[in-house]
Amino acid sequence: MNKTELVDAISRDSGLTKSDSDKAVNAFVKVVEAALKKGDDVSLVGFGSFSVKATAGRSGRNFKTGKTIEIPPRKSVRFKPGKNLKDCVN
């Protein structure tokens, strides 16, 4: 499902217009991005939670040349599904 299909499904299930559904999806994404950028977690009970995890820098190897390279530290977004979502999928 892509964003357009998601907006259509939300519009159909909620009774909102497609324009309002699109605004809602965009607002949700924007709010989650802002919260994660600040370092906050976003938890939706039953659905799951988004969090930011920092990984340390480390040494790696370029497989083509065999040279050692330094991989810088970075942050990545993690999603942990909630019980209801796990049960729905299984």
PDB file of N, CA and C in Angstrom:
ATOM      1  N   MET A   1       0.853  -1.177   0.000  1.00  0.00           N
ATOM      2  CA  MET A   1       0.000   0.000   0.000  1.00  0.00           C
ATOM      3  C   MET A   1       0.894   1.234   0.000  1.00  0.00           C
ATOM      4  N   ASN A   2       0.636   2.126  -0.941  1.00  0.00           N
ATOM      5  CA  ASN A   2       1.391   3.373  -0.976  1.00  0.00           C
ATOM      6  C   ASN A   2       0.572   4.485  -0.321  1.00  0.00           C
ATOM      7  N   LYS A   3       1.110   5.697  -0.320  1.00  0.00           N
ATOM      8  CA  LYS A   3       0.451   6.803   0.382  1.00  0.00           C
ATOM      9  C   LYS A   3      -0.927   7.102  -0.205  1.00  0.00           C
ATOM     10  N   THR A   4      -1.050   7.097  -1.524  1.00  0.00           N
ATOM     11  CA  THR A   4      -2.340   7.385  -2.159  1.00  0.00           C
ATOM     12  C   THR A   4      -3.386   6.362  -1.753  1.00  0.00           C
ATOM     13  N   GLU A   5      -3.011   5.096  -1.730  1.00  0.00           N
ATOM     14  CA  GLU A   5      -3.936   4.045  -1.324  1.00  0.00           C
ATOM     15  C   GLU A   5      -4.301   4.182   0.155  1.00  0.00           C
ATOM     16  N   LEU A   6      -3.338   4.577   0.975  1.00  0.00           N
ATOM     17  CA  LEU A   6      -3.605   4.800   2.398  1.00  0.00           C
ATOM     18  C   LEU A   6      -4.604   5.944   2.584  1.00  0.00           C
ATOM     19  N   VAL A   7      -4.401   7.038   1.865  1.00  0.00           N
ATOM     20  CA  VAL A   7      -5.319   8.180   1.956  1.00  0.00           C
ATOM     21  C   VAL A   7      -6.721   7.766   1.513  1.00  0.00           C
ATOM     22  N   ASP A   8      -6.815   7.003   0.435  1.00  0.00           N
ATOM     23  CA  ASP A   8      -8.118   6.527  -0.039  1.00  0.00           C
ATOM     24  C   ASP A   8      -8.805   5.652   1.011  1.00  0.00           C
ATOM     25  N   ALA A   9      -8.053   4.752   1.634  1.00  0.00           N
ATOM     26  CA  ALA A   9      -8.624   3.853   2.640  1.00  0.00           C
ATOM     27  C   ALA A   9      -9.087   4.635   3.871  1.00  0.00           C
ATOM     28  N   ILE A  10      -8.303   5.605   4.298  1.00  0.00           N
ATOM     29  CA  ILE A  10      -8.696   6.419   5.445  1.00  0.00           C
ATOM     30  C   ILE A  10      -9.943   7.222   5.122  1.00  0.00           C
ATOM     31  N   SER A  11      -9.985   7.760   3.919  1.00  0.00           N
ATOM     32  CA  SER A  11     -11.154   8.528   3.489  1.00  0.00           C
ATOM     33  C   SER A  11     -12.407   7.660   3.482  1.00  0.00           C
ATOM     34  N   ARG A  12     -12.278   6.475   2.960  1.00  0.00           N
ATOM     35  CA  ARG A  12     -13.410   5.539   2.867  1.00  0.00           C
ATOM     36  C   ARG A  12     -13.880   5.087   4.251  1.00  0.00           C
ATOM     37  N   ASP A  13     -12.949   4.753   5.133  1.00  0.00           N
ATOM     38  CA  ASP A  13     -13.310   4.222   6.446  1.00  0.00           C
ATOM     39  C   ASP A  13     -13.762   5.288   7.445  1.00  0.00           C
ATOM     40  N   SER A  14     -13.255   6.510   7.297  1.00  0.00           N
ATOM     41  CA  SER A  14     -13.572   7.546   8.285  1.00  0.00           C
ATOM     42  C   SER A  14     -14.686   8.491   7.850  1.00  0.00           C
ATOM     43  N   GLY A  15     -14.972   8.516   6.567  1.00  0.00           N
ATOM     44  CA  GLY A  15     -15.986   9.441   6.073  1.00  0.00           C
ATOM     45  C   GLY A  15     -15.435  10.830   5.798  1.00  0.00           C
ATOM     46  N   LEU A  16     -14.116  11.015   5.965  1.00  0.00           N
ATOM     47  CA  LEU A  16     -13.486  12.294   5.642  1.00  0.00           C
ATOM     48  C   LEU A  16     -13.307  12.407   4.131  1.00  0.00           C
ATOM     49  N   THR A  17     -13.127  13.621   3.664  1.00  0.00           N
ATOM     50  CA  THR A  17     -12.824  13.797   2.248  1.00  0.00           C
ATOM     51  C   THR A  17     -11.394  13.342   2.001  1.00  0.00           C
ATOM     52  N   LYS A  18     -11.071  13.100   0.736  1.00  0.00           N
ATOM     53  CA  LYS A  18      -9.701  12.688   0.411  1.00  0.00           C
ATOM     54  C   LYS A  18      -8.711  13.789   0.765  1.00  0.00           C
ATOM     55  N   SER A  19      -9.122  15.031   0.586  1.00  0.00           N
ATOM     56  CA  SER A  19      -8.257  16.162   0.926  1.00  0.00           C
ATOM     57  C   SER A  19      -7.968  16.196   2.417  1.00  0.00           C
ATOM     58  N   ASP A  20      -9.005  16.009   3.234  1.00  0.00           N
ATOM     59  CA  ASP A  20      -8.815  15.996   4.685  1.00  0.00           C
ATOM     60  C   ASP A  20      -7.995  14.787   5.131  1.00  0.00           C
ATOM     61  N   SER A  21      -8.214  13.656   4.495  1.00  0.00           N
ATOM     62  CA  SER A  21      -7.438  12.450   4.822  1.00  0.00           C
ATOM     63  C   SER A  21      -5.971  12.653   4.483  1.00  0.00           C
ATOM     64  N   ASP A  22      -5.689  13.294   3.352  1.00  0.00           N
ATOM     65  CA  ASP A  22      -4.314  13.573   2.947  1.00  0.00           C
ATOM     66  C   ASP A  22      -3.657  14.511   3.954  1.00  0.00           C
ATOM     67  N   LYS A  23      -4.386  15.533   4.393  1.00  0.00           N
ATOM     68  CA  LYS A  23      -3.863  16.452   5.407  1.00  0.00           C
ATOM     69  C   LYS A  23      -3.576  15.722   6.706  1.00  0.00           C
ATOM     70  N   ALA A  24      -4.442  14.791   7.083  1.00  0.00           N
ATOM     71  CA  ALA A  24      -4.255  14.030   8.320  1.00  0.00           C
ATOM     72  C   ALA A  24      -3.012  13.146   8.245  1.00  0.00           C
ATOM     73  N   VAL A  25      -2.825  12.476   7.122  1.00  0.00           N
ATOM     74  CA  VAL A  25      -1.645  11.614   6.948  1.00  0.00           C
ATOM     75  C   VAL A  25      -0.380  12.465   6.975  1.00  0.00           C
ATOM     76  N   ASN A  26      -0.389  13.579   6.254  1.00  0.00           N
ATOM     77  CA  ASN A  26       0.785  14.461   6.233  1.00  0.00           C
ATOM     78  C   ASN A  26       1.084  15.025   7.616  1.00  0.00           C
ATOM     79  N   ALA A  27       0.042  15.396   8.359  1.00  0.00           N
ATOM     80  CA  ALA A  27       0.239  15.921   9.708  1.00  0.00           C
ATOM     81  C   ALA A  27       0.812  14.852  10.628  1.00  0.00           C
ATOM     82  N   PHE A  28       0.312  13.618  10.517  1.00  0.00           N
ATOM     83  CA  PHE A  28       0.826  12.517  11.340  1.00  0.00           C
ATOM     84  C   PHE A  28       2.317  12.301  11.079  1.00  0.00           C
ATOM     85  N   VAL A  29       2.690  12.254   9.814  1.00  0.00           N
ATOM     86  CA  VAL A  29       4.098  12.044   9.454  1.00  0.00           C
ATOM     87  C   VAL A  29       4.958  13.183   9.983  1.00  0.00           C
ATOM     88  N   LYS A  30       4.482  14.407   9.827  1.00  0.00           N
ATOM     89  CA  LYS A  30       5.236  15.578  10.274  1.00  0.00           C
ATOM     90  C   LYS A  30       5.427  15.572  11.788  1.00  0.00           C
ATOM     91  N   VAL A  31       4.386  15.238  12.531  1.00  0.00           N
ATOM     92  CA  VAL A  31       4.460  15.217  13.994  1.00  0.00           C
ATOM     93  C   VAL A  31       5.402  14.105  14.471  1.00  0.00           C
ATOM     94  N   VAL A  32       5.327  12.941  13.861  1.00  0.00           N
ATOM     95  CA  VAL A  32       6.215  11.833  14.245  1.00  0.00           C
ATOM     96  C   VAL A  32       7.665  12.197  13.942  1.00  0.00           C
ATOM     97  N   GLU A  33       7.917  12.780  12.760  1.00  0.00           N
ATOM     98  CA  GLU A  33       9.277  13.195  12.413  1.00  0.00           C
ATOM     99  C   GLU A  33       9.819  14.204  13.424  1.00  0.00           C
ATOM    100  N   ALA A  34       9.001  15.196  13.793  1.00  0.00           N
ATOM    101  CA  ALA A  34       9.445  16.220  14.744  1.00  0.00           C
ATOM    102  C   ALA A  34       9.746  15.609  16.110  1.00  0.00           C
ATOM    103  N   ALA A  35       8.897  14.704  16.567  1.00  0.00           N
ATOM    104  CA  ALA A  35       9.112  14.071  17.872  1.00  0.00           C
ATOM    105  C   ALA A  35      10.390  13.235  17.870  1.00  0.00           C
ATOM    106  N   LEU A  36      10.608  12.467  16.814  1.00  0.00           N
ATOM    107  CA  LEU A  36      11.807  11.633  16.744  1.00  0.00           C
ATOM    108  C   LEU A  36      13.062  12.487  16.617  1.00  0.00           C
ATOM    109  N   LYS A  37      12.954  13.601  15.914  1.00  0.00           N
ATOM    110  CA  LYS A  37      14.098  14.496  15.765  1.00  0.00           C
ATOM    111  C   LYS A  37      14.512  15.072  17.117  1.00  0.00           C
ATOM    112  N   LYS A  38      13.515  15.338  18.009  1.00  0.00           N
ATOM    113  CA  LYS A  38      13.806  15.834  19.352  1.00  0.00           C
ATOM    114  C   LYS A  38      14.330  14.727  20.261  1.00  0.00           C
ATOM    115  N   GLY A  39      14.211  13.478  19.837  1.00  0.00           N
ATOM    116  CA  GLY A  39      14.657  12.365  20.672  1.00  0.00           C
ATOM    117  C   GLY A  39      13.547  11.711  21.457  1.00  0.00           C
ATOM    118  N   ASP A  40      12.310  12.146  21.243  1.00  0.00           N
ATOM    119  CA  ASP A  40      11.167  11.550  21.936  1.00  0.00           C
ATOM    120  C   ASP A  40      10.731  10.263  21.248  1.00  0.00           C
ATOM    121  N   ASP A  41      10.086   9.393  22.004  1.00  0.00           N
ATOM    122  CA  ASP A  41       9.474   8.193  21.440  1.00  0.00           C
ATOM    123  C   ASP A  41       8.014   8.505  21.120  1.00  0.00           C
ATOM    124  N   VAL A  42       7.462   7.813  20.128  1.00  0.00           N
ATOM    125  CA  VAL A  42       6.050   7.950  19.785  1.00  0.00           C
ATOM    126  C   VAL A  42       5.415   6.586  19.976  1.00  0.00           C
ATOM    127  N   SER A  43       4.470   6.488  20.911  1.00  0.00           N
ATOM    128  CA  SER A  43       3.815   5.214  21.223  1.00  0.00           C
ATOM    129  C   SER A  43       2.333   5.296  20.904  1.00  0.00           C
ATOM    130  N   LEU A  44       1.858   4.344  20.140  1.00  0.00           N
ATOM    131  CA  LEU A  44       0.439   4.202  19.849  1.00  0.00           C
ATOM    132  C   LEU A  44       0.020   2.869  20.441  1.00  0.00           C
ATOM    133  N   VAL A  45      -0.688   2.915  21.553  1.00  0.00           N
ATOM    134  CA  VAL A  45      -1.031   1.711  22.301  1.00  0.00           C
ATOM    135  C   VAL A  45      -1.763   0.718  21.391  1.00  0.00           C
ATOM    136  N   GLY A  46      -1.277  -0.495  21.364  1.00  0.00           N
ATOM    137  CA  GLY A  46      -1.865  -1.546  20.545  1.00  0.00           C
ATOM    138  C   GLY A  46      -1.296  -1.610  19.148  1.00  0.00           C
ATOM    139  N   PHE A  47      -0.784  -0.495  18.649  1.00  0.00           N
ATOM    140  CA  PHE A  47      -0.227  -0.468  17.293  1.00  0.00           C
ATOM    141  C   PHE A  47       1.277  -0.665  17.316  1.00  0.00           C
ATOM    142  N   GLY A  48       1.978   0.175  18.088  1.00  0.00           N
ATOM    143  CA  GLY A  48       3.423   0.040  18.184  1.00  0.00           C
ATOM    144  C   GLY A  48       4.064   1.336  18.618  1.00  0.00           C
ATOM    145  N   SER A  49       5.389   1.338  18.635  1.00  0.00           N
ATOM    146  CA  SER A  49       6.101   2.540  19.047  1.00  0.00           C
ATOM    147  C   SER A  49       7.301   2.780  18.139  1.00  0.00           C
ATOM    148  N   PHE A  50       7.537   4.064  17.883  1.00  0.00           N
ATOM    149  CA  PHE A  50       8.683   4.508  17.104  1.00  0.00           C
ATOM    150  C   PHE A  50       9.704   5.074  18.072  1.00  0.00           C
ATOM    151  N   SER A  51      10.973   4.783  17.854  1.00  0.00           N
ATOM    152  CA  SER A  51      12.027   5.331  18.696  1.00  0.00           C
ATOM    153  C   SER A  51      13.279   5.526  17.849  1.00  0.00           C
ATOM    154  N   VAL A  52      14.222   6.282  18.409  1.00  0.00           N
ATOM    155  CA  VAL A  52      15.492   6.535  17.738  1.00  0.00           C
ATOM    156  C   VAL A  52      16.571   5.780  18.492  1.00  0.00           C
ATOM    157  N   LYS A  53      17.406   5.072  17.748  1.00  0.00           N
ATOM    158  CA  LYS A  53      18.509   4.334  18.355  1.00  0.00           C
ATOM    159  C   LYS A  53      19.815   4.827  17.747  1.00  0.00           C
ATOM    160  N   ALA A  54      20.760   5.149  18.608  1.00  0.00           N
ATOM    161  CA  ALA A  54      22.074   5.592  18.151  1.00  0.00           C
ATOM    162  C   ALA A  54      22.997   4.384  18.031  1.00  0.00           C
ATOM    163  N   THR A  55      23.739   4.327  16.937  1.00  0.00           N
ATOM    164  CA  THR A  55      24.732   3.273  16.764  1.00  0.00           C
ATOM    165  C   THR A  55      26.111   3.907  16.818  1.00  0.00           C
ATOM    166  N   ALA A  56      27.037   3.228  17.437  1.00  0.00           N
ATOM    167  CA  ALA A  56      28.399   3.741  17.576  1.00  0.00           C
ATOM    168  C   ALA A  56      29.156   3.605  16.266  1.00  0.00           C
ATOM    169  N   GLY A  57      30.173   4.426  16.116  1.00  0.00           N
ATOM    170  CA  GLY A  57      31.051   4.298  14.962  1.00  0.00           C
ATOM    171  C   GLY A  57      31.858   3.017  15.072  1.00  0.00           C
ATOM    172  N   ARG A  58      32.262   2.514  13.935  1.00  0.00           N
ATOM    173  CA  ARG A  58      33.023   1.256  13.953  1.00  0.00           C
ATOM    174  C   ARG A  58      33.880   1.154  12.702  1.00  0.00           C
ATOM    175  N   SER A  59      34.736   0.171  12.692  1.00  0.00           N
ATOM    176  CA  SER A  59      35.557  -0.094  11.521  1.00  0.00           C
ATOM    177  C   SER A  59      34.861  -1.120  10.649  1.00  0.00           C
ATOM    178  N   GLY A  60      34.960  -0.930   9.354  1.00  0.00           N
ATOM    179  CA  GLY A  60      34.377  -1.869   8.415  1.00  0.00           C
ATOM    180  C   GLY A  60      35.384  -2.192   7.325  1.00  0.00           C
ATOM    181  N   ARG A  61      34.958  -2.997   6.364  1.00  0.00           N
ATOM    182  CA  ARG A  61      35.861  -3.372   5.291  1.00  0.00           C
ATOM    183  C   ARG A  61      35.159  -3.197   3.953  1.00  0.00           C
ATOM    184  N   ASN A  62      35.846  -2.552   3.028  1.00  0.00           N
ATOM    185  CA  ASN A  62      35.359  -2.427   1.663  1.00  0.00           C
ATOM    186  C   ASN A  62      35.634  -3.761   0.970  1.00  0.00           C
ATOM    187  N   PHE A  63      34.586  -4.472   0.594  1.00  0.00           N
ATOM    188  CA  PHE A  63      34.758  -5.808   0.032  1.00  0.00           C
ATOM    189  C   PHE A  63      35.442  -5.792  -1.327  1.00  0.00           C
ATOM    190  N   LYS A  64      35.285  -4.732  -2.089  1.00  0.00           N
ATOM    191  CA  LYS A  64      35.907  -4.656  -3.418  1.00  0.00           C
ATOM    192  C   LYS A  64      37.416  -4.474  -3.324  1.00  0.00           C
ATOM    193  N   THR A  65      37.846  -3.571  -2.424  1.00  0.00           N
ATOM    194  CA  THR A  65      39.275  -3.269  -2.338  1.00  0.00           C
ATOM    195  C   THR A  65      39.963  -3.948  -1.165  1.00  0.00           C
ATOM    196  N   GLY A  66      39.211  -4.383  -0.175  1.00  0.00           N
ATOM    197  CA  GLY A  66      39.793  -5.017   0.997  1.00  0.00           C
ATOM    198  C   GLY A  66      40.321  -4.027   2.016  1.00  0.00           C
ATOM    199  N   LYS A  67      40.178  -2.722   1.749  1.00  0.00           N
ATOM    200  CA  LYS A  67      40.686  -1.703   2.666  1.00  0.00           C
ATOM    201  C   LYS A  67      39.723  -1.519   3.849  1.00  0.00           C
ATOM    202  N   THR A  68      40.309  -1.149   4.989  1.00  0.00           N
ATOM    203  CA  THR A  68      39.517  -0.858   6.174  1.00  0.00           C
ATOM    204  C   THR A  68      38.980   0.573   6.067  1.00  0.00           C
ATOM    205  N   ILE A  69      37.706   0.723   6.394  1.00  0.00           N
ATOM    206  CA  ILE A  69      37.088   2.046   6.375  1.00  0.00           C
ATOM    207  C   ILE A  69      36.453   2.310   7.729  1.00  0.00           C
ATOM    208  N   GLU A  70      36.279   3.571   8.055  1.00  0.00           N
ATOM    209  CA  GLU A  70      35.617   3.961   9.300  1.00  0.00           C
ATOM    210  C   GLU A  70      34.161   4.290   8.990  1.00  0.00           C
ATOM    211  N   ILE A  71      33.260   3.629   9.699  1.00  0.00           N
ATOM    212  CA  ILE A  71      31.831   3.881   9.559  1.00  0.00           C
ATOM    213  C   ILE A  71      31.450   4.833  10.696  1.00  0.00           C
ATOM    214  N   PRO A  72      30.930   6.024  10.353  1.00  0.00           N
ATOM    215  CA  PRO A  72      30.635   7.009  11.395  1.00  0.00           C
ATOM    216  C   PRO A  72      29.415   6.612  12.235  1.00  0.00           C
ATOM    217  N   PRO A  73      29.331   7.163  13.454  1.00  0.00           N
ATOM    218  CA  PRO A  73      28.132   6.898  14.267  1.00  0.00           C
ATOM    219  C   PRO A  73      26.910   7.548  13.612  1.00  0.00           C
ATOM    220  N   ARG A  74      25.745   6.953  13.848  1.00  0.00           N
ATOM    221  CA  ARG A  74      24.527   7.510  13.265  1.00  0.00           C
ATOM    222  C   ARG A  74      23.333   7.128  14.114  1.00  0.00           C
ATOM    223  N   LYS A  75      22.212   7.731  13.780  1.00  0.00           N
ATOM    224  CA  LYS A  75      20.957   7.409  14.455  1.00  0.00           C
ATOM    225  C   LYS A  75      20.024   6.780  13.438  1.00  0.00           C
ATOM    226  N   SER A  76      19.218   5.835  13.891  1.00  0.00           N
ATOM    227  CA  SER A  76      18.241   5.218  13.003  1.00  0.00           C
ATOM    228  C   SER A  76      16.912   5.070  13.739  1.00  0.00           C
ATOM    229  N   VAL A  77      15.850   5.009  12.966  1.00  0.00           N
ATOM    230  CA  VAL A  77      14.505   4.902  13.526  1.00  0.00           C
ATOM    231  C   VAL A  77      14.146   3.430  13.671  1.00  0.00           C
ATOM    232  N   ARG A  78      13.603   3.088  14.809  1.00  0.00           N
ATOM    233  CA  ARG A  78      13.155   1.723  15.081  1.00  0.00           C
ATOM    234  C   ARG A  78      11.649   1.728  15.280  1.00  0.00           C
ATOM    235  N   PHE A  79      11.000   0.660  14.836  1.00  0.00           N
ATOM    236  CA  PHE A  79       9.571   0.483  15.090  1.00  0.00           C
ATOM    237  C   PHE A  79       9.385  -0.855  15.759  1.00  0.00           C
ATOM    238  N   LYS A  80       8.707  -0.830  16.902  1.00  0.00           N
ATOM    239  CA  LYS A  80       8.403  -2.066  17.625  1.00  0.00           C
ATOM    240  C   LYS A  80       6.888  -2.242  17.594  1.00  0.00           C
ATOM    241  N   PRO A  81       6.395  -3.263  16.909  1.00  0.00           N
ATOM    242  CA  PRO A  81       4.944  -3.453  16.822  1.00  0.00           C
ATOM    243  C   PRO A  81       4.339  -3.807  18.176  1.00  0.00           C
ATOM    244  N   GLY A  82       3.111  -3.335  18.383  1.00  0.00           N
ATOM    245  CA  GLY A  82       2.372  -3.636  19.599  1.00  0.00           C
ATOM    246  C   GLY A  82       1.699  -4.992  19.529  1.00  0.00           C
ATOM    247  N   LYS A  83       1.147  -5.427  20.638  1.00  0.00           N
ATOM    248  CA  LYS A  83       0.526  -6.743  20.731  1.00  0.00           C
ATOM    249  C   LYS A  83      -0.652  -6.887  19.748  1.00  0.00           C
ATOM    250  N   ASN A  84      -1.517  -5.874  19.680  1.00  0.00           N
ATOM    251  CA  ASN A  84      -2.663  -5.971  18.777  1.00  0.00           C
ATOM    252  C   ASN A  84      -2.244  -6.116  17.319  1.00  0.00           C
ATOM    253  N   LEU A  85      -1.212  -5.388  16.909  1.00  0.00           N
ATOM    254  CA  LEU A  85      -0.722  -5.479  15.535  1.00  0.00           C
ATOM    255  C   LEU A  85      -0.103  -6.847  15.275  1.00  0.00           C
ATOM    256  N   LYS A  86       0.644  -7.363  16.226  1.00  0.00           N
ATOM    257  CA  LYS A  86       1.244  -8.698  16.086  1.00  0.00           C
ATOM    258  C   LYS A  86       0.155  -9.758  15.959  1.00  0.00           C
ATOM    259  N   ASP A  87      -0.859  -9.652  16.825  1.00  0.00           N
ATOM    260  CA  ASP A  87      -1.954 -10.627  16.804  1.00  0.00           C
ATOM    261  C   ASP A  87      -2.737 -10.552  15.499  1.00  0.00           C
ATOM    262  N   CYS A  88      -2.925  -9.345  14.974  1.00  0.00           N
ATOM    263  CA  CYS A  88      -3.673  -9.148  13.721  1.00  0.00           C
ATOM    264  C   CYS A  88      -2.938  -9.796  12.547  1.00  0.00           C
ATOM    265  N   VAL A  89      -1.619  -9.689  12.539  1.00  0.00           N
ATOM    266  CA  VAL A  89      -0.820 -10.237  11.433  1.00  0.00           C
ATOM    267  C   VAL A  89      -0.755 -11.759  11.519  1.00  0.00           C
ATOM    268  N   ASN A  90      -0.649 -12.270  12.749  1.00  0.00           N
ATOM    269  CA  ASN A  90      -0.559 -13.715  12.909  1.00  0.00           C
ATOM    270  C   ASN A  90      -1.950 -14.250  13.008  1.00  0.00           C
TER     271      ASN A  90
END
